[in-house]
Amino acid sequence: MNKILQLKKKLTQLAILDSKFEFFGSESHQYQFKPCLSNKDIQLFESRYNIILPSEYRNFLLEIGNGGGGPGYGLYGLSGIEYTEDVILEKEYHENYEILSKPFPLTEAWNDLDVIVKNNTGFVANSDAYFDDKFIQGTLTITNYGCGIYAILVITGEQSGKIWIDDRTNDNGIYPASLSFCSFFHDADPDDFTNSDEKQPLSFYNWYEDWLNRSLHQIRQSPET
């Protein structure tokens, strides 16, 4: 079965089983999606920022929606834009699209706390270097897990198409969205989802399907199901 059709089938199942929106974040998105983008929409966006979106994410935007139900509080879309007479009009938005074309610099977990400047009493005086955008260039922020933890999709560079986690708010740096990460944040028994590469970053589809699989597993184990 086509991967998009698999995702749609599981999304429908999850929305039916979690009709009371009991899972974390589901009250925010309620398993709904913003309208899909067209190829023309995406091509305009790519042309403007000199990038090519990873194929899995592109297909998701084309066939499921431009943001909506997903891990954390739900997926962000390519927000802050509207399409009028073939022109992209920018609005105020948290994402810095101008750094999309610069390659993502990391290939392994990073957390250099030594770049944080502290005063003589031990309190943080300047953390600008730690939160420098250069560490997340070439990425799109695609979901908020809460508590300052964000999932980012790599757009440009060696890790293109992979999901990483920006956890700098909690002094935990930037690291791959691996199966080890998902076993904690996607709420299911990690013993039910094992893999020899559990520390490697997941692709967009695998990350999203992991959330679906674990959520379905958990709700099917519920006494009320």
N, C-alpha and C. Protein backbone atom coordinates (compact mmCIF):
# COMPACT_ATOMS: atom_id res chain seq x y z
N MET A 1 0.84 -1.20 0.00
CA MET A 1 0.00 0.00 0.00
C MET A 1 0.88 1.25 0.00
N ASN A 2 0.48 2.24 -0.77
CA ASN A 2 1.17 3.52 -0.79
C ASN A 2 1.30 4.08 0.62
N LYS A 3 2.48 4.65 0.93
CA LYS A 3 2.74 5.13 2.29
C LYS A 3 1.74 6.20 2.72
N ILE A 4 1.41 7.12 1.84
CA ILE A 4 0.44 8.16 2.18
C ILE A 4 -0.90 7.54 2.53
N LEU A 5 -1.32 6.53 1.78
CA LEU A 5 -2.59 5.85 2.08
C LEU A 5 -2.53 5.15 3.42
N GLN A 6 -1.37 4.58 3.76
CA GLN A 6 -1.20 3.95 5.07
C GLN A 6 -1.35 4.97 6.19
N LEU A 7 -0.72 6.12 6.01
CA LEU A 7 -0.81 7.16 7.02
C LEU A 7 -2.25 7.65 7.17
N LYS A 8 -2.93 7.85 6.05
CA LYS A 8 -4.32 8.31 6.10
C LYS A 8 -5.20 7.29 6.82
N LYS A 9 -5.00 6.01 6.55
CA LYS A 9 -5.79 4.96 7.19
C LYS A 9 -5.58 4.96 8.70
N LYS A 10 -4.32 5.08 9.12
CA LYS A 10 -4.03 5.09 10.55
C LYS A 10 -4.53 6.36 11.22
N LEU A 11 -4.45 7.49 10.52
CA LEU A 11 -4.99 8.74 11.05
C LEU A 11 -6.49 8.64 11.29
N THR A 12 -7.19 8.04 10.33
CA THR A 12 -8.64 7.87 10.47
C THR A 12 -8.95 6.98 11.66
N GLN A 13 -8.22 5.88 11.81
CA GLN A 13 -8.42 4.97 12.93
C GLN A 13 -8.18 5.67 14.26
N LEU A 14 -7.11 6.45 14.34
CA LEU A 14 -6.77 7.14 15.58
C LEU A 14 -7.81 8.20 15.92
N ALA A 15 -8.26 8.94 14.92
CA ALA A 15 -9.27 9.97 15.16
C ALA A 15 -10.57 9.36 15.68
N ILE A 16 -10.93 8.19 15.18
CA ILE A 16 -12.15 7.52 15.64
C ILE A 16 -11.97 7.00 17.06
N LEU A 17 -10.84 6.37 17.32
CA LEU A 17 -10.61 5.77 18.65
C LEU A 17 -10.41 6.83 19.73
N ASP A 18 -9.81 7.97 19.34
CA ASP A 18 -9.57 9.05 20.32
C ASP A 18 -10.57 10.18 20.09
N SER A 19 -11.83 9.84 19.99
CA SER A 19 -12.87 10.83 19.70
C SER A 19 -13.04 11.85 20.82
N LYS A 20 -12.55 11.52 22.03
CA LYS A 20 -12.65 12.46 23.16
C LYS A 20 -11.38 13.30 23.32
N PHE A 21 -10.44 13.13 22.41
CA PHE A 21 -9.19 13.90 22.39
C PHE A 21 -8.44 13.80 23.72
N GLU A 22 -8.15 12.57 24.12
CA GLU A 22 -7.48 12.32 25.39
C GLU A 22 -5.97 12.32 25.27
N PHE A 23 -5.43 12.09 24.06
CA PHE A 23 -3.99 12.07 23.90
C PHE A 23 -3.42 13.48 23.99
N PHE A 24 -2.18 13.54 24.46
CA PHE A 24 -1.49 14.82 24.58
C PHE A 24 -1.51 15.56 23.25
N GLY A 25 -1.94 16.81 23.28
CA GLY A 25 -1.93 17.65 22.09
C GLY A 25 -3.14 17.53 21.20
N SER A 26 -3.94 16.46 21.38
CA SER A 26 -5.05 16.23 20.46
C SER A 26 -6.14 17.28 20.56
N GLU A 27 -6.29 17.89 21.74
CA GLU A 27 -7.28 18.96 21.85
C GLU A 27 -6.92 20.16 20.99
N SER A 28 -5.62 20.32 20.74
CA SER A 28 -5.17 21.45 19.92
C SER A 28 -5.49 21.22 18.45
N HIS A 29 -5.18 20.03 17.94
CA HIS A 29 -5.36 19.80 16.49
C HIS A 29 -6.62 19.01 16.14
N GLN A 30 -7.13 18.22 17.10
CA GLN A 30 -8.34 17.42 16.91
C GLN A 30 -8.30 16.59 15.63
N TYR A 31 -7.09 16.20 15.23
CA TYR A 31 -6.87 15.36 14.06
C TYR A 31 -7.38 16.01 12.77
N GLN A 32 -7.44 17.32 12.77
CA GLN A 32 -7.85 18.07 11.59
C GLN A 32 -6.60 18.60 10.87
N PHE A 33 -6.76 18.93 9.58
CA PHE A 33 -5.64 19.42 8.78
C PHE A 33 -6.03 20.66 7.99
N LYS A 34 -5.05 21.51 7.82
CA LYS A 34 -5.23 22.66 6.93
C LYS A 34 -5.25 22.15 5.49
N PRO A 35 -5.81 22.92 4.56
CA PRO A 35 -5.88 22.47 3.16
C PRO A 35 -4.51 22.10 2.60
N CYS A 36 -4.52 21.12 1.72
CA CYS A 36 -3.28 20.71 1.05
C CYS A 36 -2.76 21.85 0.17
N LEU A 37 -1.47 21.84 -0.04
CA LEU A 37 -0.86 22.76 -1.00
C LEU A 37 -0.86 22.12 -2.38
N SER A 38 -0.73 22.94 -3.38
CA SER A 38 -0.60 22.43 -4.75
C SER A 38 0.88 22.38 -5.11
N ASN A 39 1.19 21.70 -6.20
CA ASN A 39 2.57 21.69 -6.70
C ASN A 39 3.05 23.11 -6.98
N LYS A 40 2.15 23.92 -7.47
CA LYS A 40 2.52 25.31 -7.80
C LYS A 40 2.87 26.08 -6.54
N ASP A 41 2.07 25.89 -5.47
CA ASP A 41 2.36 26.54 -4.19
C ASP A 41 3.77 26.18 -3.71
N ILE A 42 4.05 24.90 -3.74
CA ILE A 42 5.33 24.41 -3.23
C ILE A 42 6.48 24.90 -4.10
N GLN A 43 6.30 24.87 -5.41
CA GLN A 43 7.35 25.32 -6.31
C GLN A 43 7.66 26.80 -6.11
N LEU A 44 6.63 27.61 -5.85
CA LEU A 44 6.85 29.02 -5.57
C LEU A 44 7.67 29.20 -4.29
N PHE A 45 7.31 28.44 -3.28
CA PHE A 45 8.03 28.51 -2.01
C PHE A 45 9.48 28.08 -2.19
N GLU A 46 9.69 26.98 -2.88
CA GLU A 46 11.04 26.47 -3.11
C GLU A 46 11.88 27.46 -3.93
N SER A 47 11.26 28.03 -4.92
CA SER A 47 11.98 28.98 -5.77
C SER A 47 12.39 30.22 -4.98
N ARG A 48 11.50 30.69 -4.14
CA ARG A 48 11.79 31.90 -3.39
C ARG A 48 12.96 31.70 -2.44
N TYR A 49 13.04 30.53 -1.82
CA TYR A 49 14.08 30.31 -0.81
C TYR A 49 15.20 29.40 -1.30
N ASN A 50 15.20 29.09 -2.60
CA ASN A 50 16.29 28.34 -3.23
C ASN A 50 16.53 27.00 -2.54
N ILE A 51 15.45 26.23 -2.39
CA ILE A 51 15.52 24.92 -1.74
C ILE A 51 14.68 23.92 -2.53
N ILE A 52 14.82 22.65 -2.17
CA ILE A 52 13.92 21.59 -2.62
C ILE A 52 13.45 20.86 -1.36
N LEU A 53 12.15 20.85 -1.12
CA LEU A 53 11.64 20.16 0.07
C LEU A 53 11.85 18.67 -0.06
N PRO A 54 12.18 17.98 1.04
CA PRO A 54 12.31 16.52 1.01
C PRO A 54 11.02 15.88 0.48
N SER A 55 11.16 14.83 -0.29
CA SER A 55 10.02 14.25 -1.01
C SER A 55 8.90 13.78 -0.07
N GLU A 56 9.25 13.21 1.09
CA GLU A 56 8.22 12.72 1.99
C GLU A 56 7.37 13.88 2.53
N TYR A 57 8.03 14.94 2.93
CA TYR A 57 7.30 16.10 3.45
C TYR A 57 6.49 16.76 2.34
N ARG A 58 7.06 16.85 1.17
CA ARG A 58 6.36 17.43 0.02
C ARG A 58 5.07 16.65 -0.25
N ASN A 59 5.16 15.32 -0.29
CA ASN A 59 3.98 14.49 -0.54
C ASN A 59 2.93 14.66 0.55
N PHE A 60 3.38 14.82 1.79
CA PHE A 60 2.45 15.04 2.90
C PHE A 60 1.69 16.35 2.69
N LEU A 61 2.40 17.40 2.31
CA LEU A 61 1.75 18.69 2.05
C LEU A 61 0.77 18.61 0.89
N LEU A 62 1.08 17.81 -0.10
CA LEU A 62 0.25 17.68 -1.29
C LEU A 62 -0.99 16.82 -1.06
N GLU A 63 -0.87 15.79 -0.20
CA GLU A 63 -1.92 14.78 -0.13
C GLU A 63 -2.62 14.66 1.22
N ILE A 64 -2.03 15.20 2.29
CA ILE A 64 -2.69 15.11 3.59
C ILE A 64 -3.04 16.48 4.12
N GLY A 65 -2.12 17.41 4.16
CA GLY A 65 -2.45 18.75 4.60
C GLY A 65 -1.23 19.57 4.93
N ASN A 66 -1.42 20.88 4.98
CA ASN A 66 -0.35 21.82 5.29
C ASN A 66 -0.39 22.14 6.79
N GLY A 67 -0.12 21.10 7.59
CA GLY A 67 -0.16 21.24 9.04
C GLY A 67 -1.44 20.68 9.60
N GLY A 68 -1.36 20.18 10.84
CA GLY A 68 -2.54 19.62 11.49
C GLY A 68 -2.15 18.51 12.45
N GLY A 69 -2.97 17.47 12.54
CA GLY A 69 -2.76 16.39 13.50
C GLY A 69 -1.37 15.78 13.41
N GLY A 70 -0.76 15.57 14.57
CA GLY A 70 0.57 14.98 14.58
C GLY A 70 1.17 14.96 15.96
N PRO A 71 2.44 14.60 16.07
CA PRO A 71 3.12 14.56 17.37
C PRO A 71 3.09 15.90 18.08
N GLY A 72 3.28 15.88 19.40
CA GLY A 72 3.27 17.11 20.17
C GLY A 72 1.92 17.78 20.08
N TYR A 73 1.95 19.09 19.81
CA TYR A 73 0.70 19.84 19.66
C TYR A 73 0.21 19.87 18.22
N GLY A 74 0.77 19.02 17.37
CA GLY A 74 0.36 18.96 15.98
C GLY A 74 1.39 19.58 15.05
N LEU A 75 1.29 19.25 13.78
CA LEU A 75 2.26 19.73 12.79
C LEU A 75 2.03 21.18 12.41
N TYR A 76 3.13 21.94 12.35
CA TYR A 76 3.08 23.24 11.71
C TYR A 76 3.05 23.01 10.19
N GLY A 77 2.49 23.95 9.48
CA GLY A 77 2.59 23.91 8.03
C GLY A 77 3.56 24.97 7.56
N LEU A 78 3.57 25.22 6.27
CA LEU A 78 4.34 26.34 5.73
C LEU A 78 3.51 27.59 5.98
N SER A 79 3.56 28.04 7.22
CA SER A 79 2.72 29.14 7.66
C SER A 79 3.29 30.49 7.25
N GLY A 80 2.48 31.52 7.45
CA GLY A 80 2.95 32.87 7.20
C GLY A 80 2.97 33.25 5.74
N ILE A 81 2.30 32.46 4.89
CA ILE A 81 2.26 32.80 3.47
C ILE A 81 0.83 32.64 2.98
N GLU A 82 0.48 33.39 1.96
CA GLU A 82 -0.78 33.19 1.26
C GLU A 82 -0.51 33.38 -0.21
N TYR A 83 -1.40 32.85 -1.04
CA TYR A 83 -1.14 32.81 -2.46
C TYR A 83 -2.18 33.67 -3.18
N THR A 84 -1.73 34.75 -3.76
CA THR A 84 -2.63 35.66 -4.46
C THR A 84 -2.00 36.01 -5.80
N GLU A 85 -2.68 35.65 -6.90
CA GLU A 85 -2.19 35.94 -8.24
C GLU A 85 -0.74 35.47 -8.42
N ASP A 86 -0.51 34.25 -7.95
CA ASP A 86 0.79 33.59 -8.11
C ASP A 86 1.93 34.27 -7.38
N VAL A 87 1.62 35.14 -6.42
CA VAL A 87 2.67 35.81 -5.66
C VAL A 87 2.58 35.38 -4.21
N ILE A 88 3.71 35.02 -3.60
CA ILE A 88 3.74 34.68 -2.19
C ILE A 88 3.88 35.97 -1.39
N LEU A 89 2.93 36.21 -0.51
CA LEU A 89 2.96 37.39 0.35
C LEU A 89 3.34 36.96 1.76
N GLU A 90 4.41 37.50 2.29
CA GLU A 90 4.86 37.12 3.62
C GLU A 90 4.06 37.84 4.70
N LYS A 91 3.83 37.13 5.81
CA LYS A 91 3.23 37.71 7.01
C LYS A 91 4.19 37.47 8.17
N GLU A 92 3.86 38.05 9.30
CA GLU A 92 4.68 37.81 10.48
C GLU A 92 4.65 36.33 10.85
N TYR A 93 5.79 35.74 11.10
CA TYR A 93 5.87 34.30 11.38
C TYR A 93 7.15 34.01 12.15
N HIS A 94 7.10 32.96 12.98
CA HIS A 94 8.25 32.67 13.84
C HIS A 94 9.41 32.05 13.09
N GLU A 95 9.15 31.48 11.91
CA GLU A 95 10.20 30.76 11.19
C GLU A 95 11.06 31.72 10.39
N ASN A 96 12.37 31.52 10.45
CA ASN A 96 13.30 32.33 9.64
C ASN A 96 13.60 31.57 8.36
N TYR A 97 12.78 31.77 7.34
CA TYR A 97 12.94 31.03 6.09
C TYR A 97 14.23 31.38 5.36
N GLU A 98 14.81 32.53 5.68
CA GLU A 98 15.99 32.97 4.94
C GLU A 98 17.20 32.05 5.17
N ILE A 99 17.18 31.26 6.22
CA ILE A 99 18.32 30.37 6.48
C ILE A 99 18.08 28.95 5.97
N LEU A 100 16.98 28.73 5.24
CA LEU A 100 16.65 27.39 4.77
C LEU A 100 17.68 26.83 3.80
N SER A 101 18.25 27.70 2.97
CA SER A 101 19.16 27.21 1.93
C SER A 101 20.56 26.90 2.45
N LYS A 102 20.84 27.29 3.70
CA LYS A 102 22.15 26.99 4.29
C LYS A 102 22.12 25.59 4.87
N PRO A 103 23.11 24.74 4.60
CA PRO A 103 23.06 23.35 5.04
C PRO A 103 23.08 23.19 6.56
N PHE A 104 22.24 22.29 7.04
CA PHE A 104 22.22 21.94 8.46
C PHE A 104 23.60 21.39 8.83
N PRO A 105 24.24 21.90 9.90
CA PRO A 105 25.64 21.58 10.15
C PRO A 105 25.90 20.30 10.94
N LEU A 106 24.87 19.70 11.55
CA LEU A 106 25.12 18.61 12.49
C LEU A 106 24.94 17.23 11.85
N THR A 107 25.72 16.28 12.34
CA THR A 107 25.55 14.86 11.97
C THR A 107 25.44 13.99 13.21
N GLU A 108 25.67 14.59 14.38
CA GLU A 108 25.51 13.88 15.64
C GLU A 108 25.05 14.88 16.70
N ALA A 109 24.58 14.36 17.81
CA ALA A 109 24.04 15.21 18.87
C ALA A 109 25.06 16.28 19.28
N TRP A 110 24.55 17.48 19.53
CA TRP A 110 25.40 18.62 19.92
C TRP A 110 24.83 19.28 21.16
N ASN A 111 25.72 19.59 22.12
CA ASN A 111 25.29 20.34 23.30
C ASN A 111 26.51 20.96 23.99
N ASP A 112 26.99 22.04 23.39
CA ASP A 112 28.18 22.71 23.92
C ASP A 112 27.76 23.82 24.88
N LEU A 113 27.59 23.46 26.14
CA LEU A 113 27.17 24.43 27.15
C LEU A 113 28.28 25.43 27.48
N ASP A 114 29.49 25.14 27.03
CA ASP A 114 30.62 26.04 27.32
C ASP A 114 30.48 27.38 26.60
N VAL A 115 29.62 27.46 25.57
CA VAL A 115 29.48 28.72 24.84
C VAL A 115 28.56 29.69 25.60
N ILE A 116 27.90 29.21 26.64
CA ILE A 116 27.05 30.08 27.45
C ILE A 116 27.93 30.87 28.42
N VAL A 117 27.80 32.19 28.39
CA VAL A 117 28.61 33.07 29.25
C VAL A 117 27.89 33.28 30.58
N LYS A 118 28.60 33.01 31.67
CA LYS A 118 28.04 33.22 33.00
C LYS A 118 28.80 34.31 33.73
N ASN A 119 28.10 34.98 34.63
CA ASN A 119 28.78 36.02 35.41
C ASN A 119 29.47 35.40 36.61
N ASN A 120 30.08 36.23 37.45
CA ASN A 120 30.89 35.70 38.56
C ASN A 120 30.04 35.06 39.66
N THR A 121 28.73 35.16 39.56
CA THR A 121 27.87 34.49 40.55
C THR A 121 27.30 33.18 40.01
N GLY A 122 27.67 32.86 38.76
CA GLY A 122 27.23 31.61 38.18
C GLY A 122 25.94 31.68 37.39
N PHE A 123 25.33 32.87 37.31
CA PHE A 123 24.10 33.02 36.53
C PHE A 123 24.43 33.34 35.07
N VAL A 124 23.53 32.91 34.18
CA VAL A 124 23.74 33.13 32.74
C VAL A 124 23.72 34.62 32.43
N ALA A 125 24.78 35.09 31.80
CA ALA A 125 24.87 36.50 31.40
C ALA A 125 24.55 36.67 29.92
N ASN A 126 24.91 35.67 29.11
CA ASN A 126 24.66 35.76 27.67
C ASN A 126 24.64 34.34 27.09
N SER A 127 23.50 33.98 26.49
CA SER A 127 23.37 32.66 25.88
C SER A 127 23.15 32.74 24.38
N ASP A 128 23.46 33.92 23.80
CA ASP A 128 23.21 34.11 22.37
C ASP A 128 23.95 33.09 21.51
N ALA A 129 25.18 32.77 21.88
CA ALA A 129 25.97 31.83 21.08
C ALA A 129 25.35 30.43 21.11
N TYR A 130 24.75 30.08 22.23
CA TYR A 130 24.13 28.75 22.37
C TYR A 130 22.87 28.65 21.51
N PHE A 131 22.14 29.77 21.42
CA PHE A 131 20.89 29.78 20.66
C PHE A 131 21.05 30.37 19.26
N ASP A 132 22.28 30.41 18.78
CA ASP A 132 22.54 30.94 17.44
C ASP A 132 21.79 30.12 16.39
N ASP A 133 21.14 30.81 15.46
CA ASP A 133 20.40 30.13 14.39
C ASP A 133 21.27 29.27 13.50
N LYS A 134 22.58 29.45 13.55
CA LYS A 134 23.45 28.66 12.67
C LYS A 134 23.33 27.17 12.98
N PHE A 135 22.92 26.82 14.19
CA PHE A 135 22.81 25.41 14.57
C PHE A 135 21.54 24.76 14.02
N ILE A 136 20.57 25.57 13.60
CA ILE A 136 19.34 25.01 13.03
C ILE A 136 19.09 25.52 11.62
N GLN A 137 20.12 26.10 11.00
CA GLN A 137 19.95 26.53 9.62
C GLN A 137 19.65 25.31 8.74
N GLY A 138 18.93 25.53 7.67
CA GLY A 138 18.58 24.42 6.80
C GLY A 138 17.48 23.54 7.35
N THR A 139 16.70 24.04 8.32
CA THR A 139 15.63 23.23 8.91
C THR A 139 14.32 24.02 8.99
N LEU A 140 13.22 23.28 9.05
CA LEU A 140 11.91 23.83 9.35
C LEU A 140 11.46 23.30 10.70
N THR A 141 10.96 24.16 11.56
CA THR A 141 10.36 23.71 12.81
C THR A 141 8.98 23.17 12.49
N ILE A 142 8.72 21.89 12.82
CA ILE A 142 7.45 21.31 12.38
C ILE A 142 6.51 20.90 13.51
N THR A 143 7.00 20.86 14.76
CA THR A 143 6.06 20.64 15.86
C THR A 143 6.66 21.10 17.16
N ASN A 144 5.78 21.36 18.11
CA ASN A 144 6.16 21.77 19.46
C ASN A 144 5.72 20.66 20.41
N TYR A 145 6.68 20.04 21.07
CA TYR A 145 6.37 18.98 22.04
C TYR A 145 6.01 19.55 23.41
N GLY A 146 6.13 20.85 23.56
CA GLY A 146 5.91 21.47 24.86
C GLY A 146 7.22 21.58 25.63
N CYS A 147 7.20 22.43 26.66
CA CYS A 147 8.38 22.63 27.52
C CYS A 147 9.61 23.08 26.73
N GLY A 148 9.39 23.80 25.63
CA GLY A 148 10.51 24.32 24.85
C GLY A 148 11.22 23.29 23.99
N ILE A 149 10.57 22.17 23.70
CA ILE A 149 11.17 21.11 22.89
C ILE A 149 10.50 21.10 21.52
N TYR A 150 11.30 21.25 20.47
CA TYR A 150 10.75 21.34 19.11
C TYR A 150 11.35 20.28 18.20
N ALA A 151 10.51 19.75 17.31
CA ALA A 151 11.00 18.87 16.26
C ALA A 151 11.28 19.71 15.03
N ILE A 152 12.42 19.48 14.41
CA ILE A 152 12.80 20.22 13.21
C ILE A 152 13.07 19.23 12.08
N LEU A 153 12.63 19.58 10.89
CA LEU A 153 12.86 18.77 9.70
C LEU A 153 14.01 19.37 8.92
N VAL A 154 15.03 18.56 8.67
CA VAL A 154 16.19 19.05 7.91
C VAL A 154 15.82 19.15 6.43
N ILE A 155 16.04 20.31 5.87
CA ILE A 155 15.71 20.58 4.47
C ILE A 155 16.95 20.53 3.58
N THR A 156 18.07 21.02 4.10
CA THR A 156 19.29 21.18 3.31
C THR A 156 20.48 20.57 4.02
N GLY A 157 21.30 19.82 3.28
CA GLY A 157 22.50 19.23 3.87
C GLY A 157 22.43 17.72 3.94
N GLU A 158 23.44 17.14 4.54
CA GLU A 158 23.59 15.68 4.60
C GLU A 158 22.40 14.99 5.26
N GLN A 159 21.79 15.65 6.24
CA GLN A 159 20.69 15.05 6.99
C GLN A 159 19.31 15.38 6.39
N SER A 160 19.26 15.84 5.18
CA SER A 160 18.00 16.23 4.55
C SER A 160 16.95 15.12 4.65
N GLY A 161 15.75 15.51 5.07
CA GLY A 161 14.65 14.55 5.20
C GLY A 161 14.54 13.92 6.57
N LYS A 162 15.53 14.17 7.44
CA LYS A 162 15.53 13.59 8.78
C LYS A 162 14.94 14.56 9.81
N ILE A 163 14.45 14.00 10.90
CA ILE A 163 13.89 14.79 12.00
C ILE A 163 14.91 14.88 13.12
N TRP A 164 15.15 16.09 13.59
CA TRP A 164 16.01 16.34 14.74
C TRP A 164 15.20 17.09 15.80
N ILE A 165 15.76 17.16 17.00
CA ILE A 165 15.08 17.80 18.12
C ILE A 165 15.92 18.98 18.62
N ASP A 166 15.27 20.15 18.73
CA ASP A 166 15.91 21.32 19.31
C ASP A 166 15.42 21.44 20.75
N ASP A 167 16.30 21.08 21.67
CA ASP A 167 15.96 21.04 23.11
C ASP A 167 16.86 21.99 23.89
N ARG A 168 17.30 23.06 23.23
CA ARG A 168 18.23 23.98 23.87
C ARG A 168 17.59 24.76 25.01
N THR A 169 16.29 24.94 24.99
CA THR A 169 15.61 25.65 26.07
C THR A 169 15.87 24.98 27.41
N ASN A 170 16.03 23.67 27.38
CA ASN A 170 16.27 22.89 28.60
C ASN A 170 17.73 22.49 28.77
N ASP A 171 18.62 23.20 28.04
CA ASP A 171 20.06 22.94 28.09
C ASP A 171 20.44 21.54 27.62
N ASN A 172 19.61 20.95 26.75
CA ASN A 172 19.88 19.60 26.26
C ASN A 172 20.37 19.58 24.82
N GLY A 173 20.57 20.74 24.23
CA GLY A 173 21.17 20.81 22.91
C GLY A 173 20.24 20.40 21.79
N ILE A 174 20.85 19.91 20.71
CA ILE A 174 20.15 19.49 19.50
C ILE A 174 20.57 18.05 19.22
N TYR A 175 19.59 17.18 19.01
CA TYR A 175 19.92 15.77 18.86
C TYR A 175 18.91 15.08 17.94
N PRO A 176 19.25 13.88 17.42
CA PRO A 176 18.35 13.20 16.47
C PRO A 176 17.03 12.79 17.12
N ALA A 177 15.96 12.86 16.33
CA ALA A 177 14.68 12.28 16.74
C ALA A 177 14.74 10.80 16.40
N SER A 178 15.31 10.05 17.33
CA SER A 178 15.53 8.62 17.13
C SER A 178 14.38 7.82 17.74
N LEU A 179 14.43 6.50 17.57
CA LEU A 179 13.44 5.65 18.22
C LEU A 179 13.55 5.75 19.74
N SER A 180 14.75 5.98 20.24
CA SER A 180 14.92 6.17 21.68
C SER A 180 14.16 7.40 22.15
N PHE A 181 14.24 8.48 21.38
CA PHE A 181 13.50 9.69 21.70
C PHE A 181 11.99 9.43 21.62
N CYS A 182 11.57 8.80 20.53
CA CYS A 182 10.14 8.59 20.29
C CYS A 182 9.52 7.68 21.34
N SER A 183 10.29 6.72 21.85
CA SER A 183 9.74 5.80 22.84
C SER A 183 9.32 6.53 24.10
N PHE A 184 9.91 7.69 24.34
CA PHE A 184 9.56 8.49 25.52
C PHE A 184 8.46 9.50 25.19
N PHE A 185 8.59 10.18 24.06
CA PHE A 185 7.69 11.29 23.75
C PHE A 185 6.42 10.88 23.02
N HIS A 186 6.38 9.68 22.45
CA HIS A 186 5.18 9.25 21.75
C HIS A 186 4.35 8.26 22.57
N ASP A 187 4.63 8.16 23.85
CA ASP A 187 3.73 7.51 24.81
C ASP A 187 3.36 6.06 24.50
N ALA A 188 4.31 5.18 24.53
CA ALA A 188 4.00 3.75 24.45
C ALA A 188 5.18 2.98 25.00
N ASP A 189 4.96 1.72 25.31
CA ASP A 189 6.01 0.87 25.85
C ASP A 189 7.12 0.72 24.82
N PRO A 190 8.34 1.18 25.12
CA PRO A 190 9.42 1.10 24.13
C PRO A 190 9.77 -0.32 23.72
N ASP A 191 9.43 -1.31 24.55
CA ASP A 191 9.74 -2.69 24.21
C ASP A 191 8.92 -3.17 23.02
N ASP A 192 7.84 -2.46 22.71
CA ASP A 192 6.98 -2.85 21.61
C ASP A 192 7.49 -2.34 20.27
N PHE A 193 8.48 -1.44 20.29
CA PHE A 193 8.98 -0.83 19.07
C PHE A 193 10.50 -0.78 19.13
N THR A 194 11.15 -1.84 18.74
CA THR A 194 12.60 -1.91 18.83
C THR A 194 13.22 -1.88 17.44
N ASN A 195 14.48 -1.42 17.40
CA ASN A 195 15.18 -1.33 16.14
C ASN A 195 16.67 -1.22 16.44
N SER A 196 17.51 -1.86 15.62
CA SER A 196 18.95 -1.84 15.87
C SER A 196 19.54 -0.45 15.71
N ASP A 197 18.86 0.42 14.96
CA ASP A 197 19.35 1.78 14.74
C ASP A 197 18.55 2.78 15.57
N GLU A 198 18.27 2.43 16.82
CA GLU A 198 17.34 3.23 17.61
C GLU A 198 17.87 4.62 17.95
N LYS A 199 19.17 4.90 17.69
CA LYS A 199 19.72 6.21 17.99
C LYS A 199 19.87 7.08 16.74
N GLN A 200 19.50 6.55 15.59
CA GLN A 200 19.63 7.29 14.34
C GLN A 200 18.40 8.16 14.10
N PRO A 201 18.55 9.33 13.47
CA PRO A 201 17.39 10.18 13.20
C PRO A 201 16.42 9.51 12.24
N LEU A 202 15.14 9.65 12.52
CA LEU A 202 14.11 9.05 11.67
C LEU A 202 13.79 9.98 10.50
N SER A 203 13.38 9.39 9.40
CA SER A 203 12.87 10.18 8.29
C SER A 203 11.50 10.73 8.68
N PHE A 204 11.01 11.69 7.91
CA PHE A 204 9.72 12.31 8.23
C PHE A 204 8.63 11.26 8.31
N TYR A 205 8.50 10.37 7.33
CA TYR A 205 7.45 9.35 7.36
C TYR A 205 7.60 8.44 8.57
N ASN A 206 8.82 7.97 8.83
CA ASN A 206 9.03 7.03 9.94
C ASN A 206 8.74 7.68 11.29
N TRP A 207 9.12 8.94 11.43
CA TRP A 207 8.83 9.68 12.66
C TRP A 207 7.34 9.85 12.85
N TYR A 208 6.64 10.24 11.78
CA TYR A 208 5.20 10.47 11.87
C TYR A 208 4.46 9.15 12.10
N GLU A 209 4.87 8.10 11.40
CA GLU A 209 4.20 6.81 11.57
C GLU A 209 4.49 6.21 12.94
N ASP A 210 5.67 6.49 13.48
CA ASP A 210 5.98 6.03 14.83
C ASP A 210 4.96 6.59 15.82
N TRP A 211 4.67 7.89 15.68
CA TRP A 211 3.65 8.51 16.55
C TRP A 211 2.29 7.85 16.36
N LEU A 212 1.91 7.58 15.12
CA LEU A 212 0.64 6.92 14.86
C LEU A 212 0.60 5.52 15.46
N ASN A 213 1.66 4.75 15.23
CA ASN A 213 1.70 3.37 15.72
C ASN A 213 1.63 3.30 17.24
N ARG A 214 2.41 4.15 17.90
CA ARG A 214 2.43 4.13 19.35
C ARG A 214 1.10 4.61 19.93
N SER A 215 0.51 5.62 19.30
CA SER A 215 -0.77 6.14 19.77
C SER A 215 -1.87 5.09 19.61
N LEU A 216 -1.89 4.42 18.46
CA LEU A 216 -2.87 3.36 18.24
C LEU A 216 -2.66 2.20 19.20
N HIS A 217 -1.41 1.85 19.43
CA HIS A 217 -1.09 0.77 20.37
C HIS A 217 -1.61 1.11 21.77
N GLN A 218 -1.36 2.33 22.18
CA GLN A 218 -1.75 2.73 23.52
C GLN A 218 -3.27 2.76 23.68
N ILE A 219 -3.97 3.31 22.71
CA ILE A 219 -5.41 3.43 22.87
C ILE A 219 -6.11 2.08 22.77
N ARG A 220 -5.52 1.16 22.01
CA ARG A 220 -6.10 -0.18 21.90
C ARG A 220 -5.89 -0.99 23.19
N GLN A 221 -4.88 -0.57 23.99
CA GLN A 221 -4.65 -1.23 25.28
C GLN A 221 -5.53 -0.64 26.38
N SER A 222 -6.19 0.47 26.08
CA SER A 222 -7.01 1.12 27.07
C SER A 222 -8.23 0.27 27.41
N PRO A 223 -8.59 0.15 28.68
CA PRO A 223 -9.74 -0.66 29.09
C PRO A 223 -11.05 -0.20 28.46
N GLU A 224 -11.12 1.09 28.07
CA GLU A 224 -12.35 1.64 27.52
C GLU A 224 -12.49 1.38 26.04
N THR A 225 -11.41 0.87 25.39
CA THR A 225 -11.44 0.65 23.94
C THR A 225 -12.01 -0.72 23.62
